[in-house]
Structures are given as C-alpha cells and as structure tokens.
Amino acid sequence: MRKIYLAAALLCSSLSYAEDPALIASNHPILGVWKWTTPNAGCSELYNFKANNRLGFASGAEVGESLYTVSAEPSPKGYYRIENTVATDNGSNDCRGQPGQSGTHSTLFARFSPDGKQVKMCFGESDDQCFGPLTRE
C-alpha cells in the first residue's frame, strides 16, 4: 500500500490550471497526509493535501490526483468546505469496490478534532453523513 501512496504523491507537478487558484495558507489544518481505514473491509485510504491545491490519493487499488480548494476559515458550524475534482485516476477499484474516474466532482465538509490530529469528512454541515475520522500521519 505504501508504494501505491507514494506513486500518488509523486503526481504533483503533472497538472496545470488555466488559471491557478490561490495557494492554501501554510498553516491551514487540512494540509498534510491523512489516513482512514474502512471499518468493515480493513482497506486504507490515504490523502495528501498540498498547499498548491493538489491532493494525491490512494484507496484500495485506486491511485490519483485531484485539484481542490478549501475555505480559509470554518463556517459558523465549524466545517471547512472542500471543492474537489479528480484530475487523474488509474481507474482501479477503491476501498468500496468502485472504479475511480477522472472528472468526478465532489463537495465535502471537514470538521477537525480540537487537537487537529483527526478530521471527519462529511457530505453536509452535520455529522449525519460522514466518514472517518481520518488520522494525521
């Protein structure tokens, strides 16, 4: 699994934007490597959020890179909004058994633990539909 993650992390410089968004602040809590192991299958997902708006990821056999933006501050409810578009994907199955696909867009809401060592990824600004927690590596 470590080799797959490293391959995803090395994809950083291959992508370009028509117009680059602002870089993510170096002290933003999303930056860094995060890991989540699915509760049923024991499959791990790794996410490497970089300040240059690139996100390297590996999930099961899937490896890819996304372009993302994240709000600079949390909402009044404590969530950071993440807009994510898969730029490159090897098309292999992820931890849910689904093949990845370039061009897929998603909106997630990240809520960090008070110590910043864990984050839940949610599909709205509530803890009703979330996965995680992801742990900082």
Protein backbone atom coordinates (compact mmCIF):
# COMPACT_ATOMS: atom_id res chain seq x y z
CA MET A 1 0.00 0.00 0.00
CA ARG A 2 2.85 2.38 0.79
CA LYS A 3 4.18 2.10 -2.80
CA ILE A 4 0.75 2.97 -4.21
CA TYR A 5 0.51 6.03 -1.97
CA LEU A 6 3.99 7.20 -2.95
CA ALA A 7 3.05 6.90 -6.61
CA ALA A 8 0.00 9.10 -6.00
CA ALA A 9 2.05 11.65 -4.09
CA LEU A 10 4.54 11.99 -6.94
CA LEU A 11 1.85 13.16 -9.40
CA CYS A 12 2.02 16.71 -8.03
CA SER A 13 3.69 18.58 -10.86
CA SER A 14 1.92 16.96 -13.81
CA LEU A 15 -1.26 19.06 -13.63
CA SER A 16 -1.89 22.63 -14.64
CA TYR A 17 -4.77 25.06 -14.34
CA ALA A 18 -5.99 27.52 -16.91
CA GLU A 19 -5.80 29.96 -14.03
CA ASP A 20 -4.20 28.83 -10.75
CA PRO A 21 -6.33 29.36 -7.63
CA ALA A 22 -4.76 30.96 -4.59
CA LEU A 23 -2.39 28.71 -2.69
CA ILE A 24 -3.59 27.21 0.56
CA ALA A 25 -2.17 29.01 3.62
CA SER A 26 0.77 27.09 5.08
CA ASN A 27 -0.92 26.87 8.50
CA HIS A 28 -4.26 25.52 7.19
CA PRO A 29 -5.31 22.45 9.20
CA ILE A 30 -6.14 20.39 6.07
CA LEU A 31 -2.54 20.30 4.84
CA GLY A 32 -0.63 17.06 5.22
CA VAL A 33 -1.21 13.35 4.95
CA TRP A 34 -4.39 11.81 6.34
CA LYS A 35 -5.29 8.11 6.65
CA TRP A 36 -8.60 6.33 7.08
CA THR A 37 -9.13 2.59 7.39
CA THR A 38 -12.61 1.41 6.48
CA PRO A 39 -14.35 -0.32 9.39
CA ASN A 40 -15.63 -3.41 7.52
CA ALA A 41 -13.08 -4.21 4.84
CA GLY A 42 -9.93 -3.05 6.64
CA CYS A 43 -8.95 -1.18 3.48
CA SER A 44 -6.93 2.03 3.88
CA GLU A 45 -7.29 5.35 2.13
CA LEU A 46 -4.53 7.96 2.11
CA TYR A 47 -4.95 11.62 1.22
CA ASN A 48 -2.06 14.06 0.80
CA PHE A 49 -3.41 17.64 0.80
CA LYS A 50 -0.79 20.04 -0.56
CA ALA A 51 -0.63 23.84 -0.44
CA ASN A 52 -0.59 24.02 -4.26
CA ASN A 53 -4.22 22.82 -4.43
CA ARG A 54 -3.19 19.28 -5.34
CA LEU A 55 -4.48 16.25 -3.49
CA GLY A 56 -2.71 12.93 -4.03
CA PHE A 57 -4.84 9.95 -3.00
CA ALA A 58 -4.80 6.17 -2.83
CA SER A 59 -7.80 4.00 -1.94
CA GLY A 60 -7.52 0.24 -2.36
CA ALA A 61 -6.01 -0.19 -5.85
CA GLU A 62 -7.10 3.29 -6.98
CA VAL A 63 -4.44 5.98 -7.26
CA GLY A 64 -4.97 9.51 -8.47
CA GLU A 65 -4.70 13.22 -8.02
CA SER A 66 -7.34 15.89 -7.53
CA LEU A 67 -7.45 19.64 -7.73
CA TYR A 68 -9.11 21.13 -4.67
CA THR A 69 -9.97 24.34 -2.90
CA VAL A 70 -10.82 24.71 0.77
CA SER A 71 -12.33 27.57 2.72
CA ALA A 72 -9.80 29.59 4.71
CA GLU A 73 -11.96 29.57 7.84
CA PRO A 74 -14.59 27.18 9.18
CA SER A 75 -18.28 28.02 8.87
CA PRO A 76 -20.20 29.07 11.98
CA LYS A 77 -20.99 25.35 12.42
CA GLY A 78 -17.25 24.50 12.44
CA TYR A 79 -16.87 22.95 8.98
CA TYR A 80 -14.37 23.76 6.22
CA ARG A 81 -15.86 23.47 2.72
CA ILE A 82 -13.78 21.48 0.23
CA GLU A 83 -14.45 21.51 -3.52
CA ASN A 84 -12.64 18.62 -5.17
CA THR A 85 -12.29 17.50 -8.82
CA VAL A 86 -10.43 14.32 -9.76
CA ALA A 87 -7.85 15.25 -12.38
CA THR A 88 -6.11 11.90 -12.90
CA ASP A 89 -7.17 8.43 -11.85
CA ASN A 90 -5.89 4.97 -12.73
CA GLY A 91 -9.48 3.64 -12.94
CA SER A 92 -8.86 0.81 -10.47
CA ASN A 93 -11.29 -0.10 -7.69
CA ASP A 94 -11.28 1.93 -4.49
CA CYS A 95 -11.95 0.62 -0.98
CA ARG A 96 -15.70 0.47 -1.72
CA GLY A 97 -15.04 -1.68 -4.81
CA GLN A 98 -15.92 1.18 -7.20
CA PRO A 99 -13.65 2.17 -10.12
CA GLY A 100 -12.24 5.70 -9.99
CA GLN A 101 -12.94 8.21 -12.73
CA SER A 102 -11.26 11.44 -13.79
CA GLY A 103 -13.51 14.50 -13.84
CA THR A 104 -15.60 13.48 -10.83
CA HIS A 105 -16.50 16.50 -8.67
CA SER A 106 -17.46 16.43 -5.00
CA THR A 107 -18.14 18.85 -2.19
CA LEU A 108 -17.12 17.78 1.31
CA PHE A 109 -17.19 19.44 4.69
CA ALA A 110 -14.25 18.80 7.01
CA ARG A 111 -14.58 19.03 10.78
CA PHE A 112 -11.37 18.76 12.83
CA SER A 113 -10.91 17.41 16.34
CA PRO A 114 -9.86 20.06 18.87
CA ASP A 115 -6.24 18.84 18.78
CA GLY A 116 -6.15 18.83 14.94
CA LYS A 117 -5.00 15.21 14.75
CA GLN A 118 -8.26 13.86 13.32
CA VAL A 119 -10.83 15.04 10.78
CA LYS A 120 -14.24 13.80 9.70
CA MET A 121 -15.26 14.26 6.08
CA CYS A 122 -18.97 14.94 5.71
CA PHE A 123 -21.39 15.38 2.82
CA GLY A 124 -23.09 18.32 4.53
CA GLU A 125 -22.60 20.55 7.54
CA SER A 126 -23.70 17.92 10.02
CA ASP A 127 -22.27 14.70 11.42
CA ASP A 128 -25.14 12.65 9.90
CA GLN A 129 -23.32 11.54 6.73
CA CYS A 130 -19.59 11.40 7.34
CA PHE A 131 -16.67 9.07 7.00
CA GLY A 132 -13.67 8.93 9.27
CA PRO A 133 -12.19 10.03 11.38
CA LEU A 134 -9.07 10.33 9.29
CA THR A 135 -5.86 10.48 11.30
CA ARG A 136 -2.94 12.75 10.58
CA GLU A 137 0.10 10.71 9.51
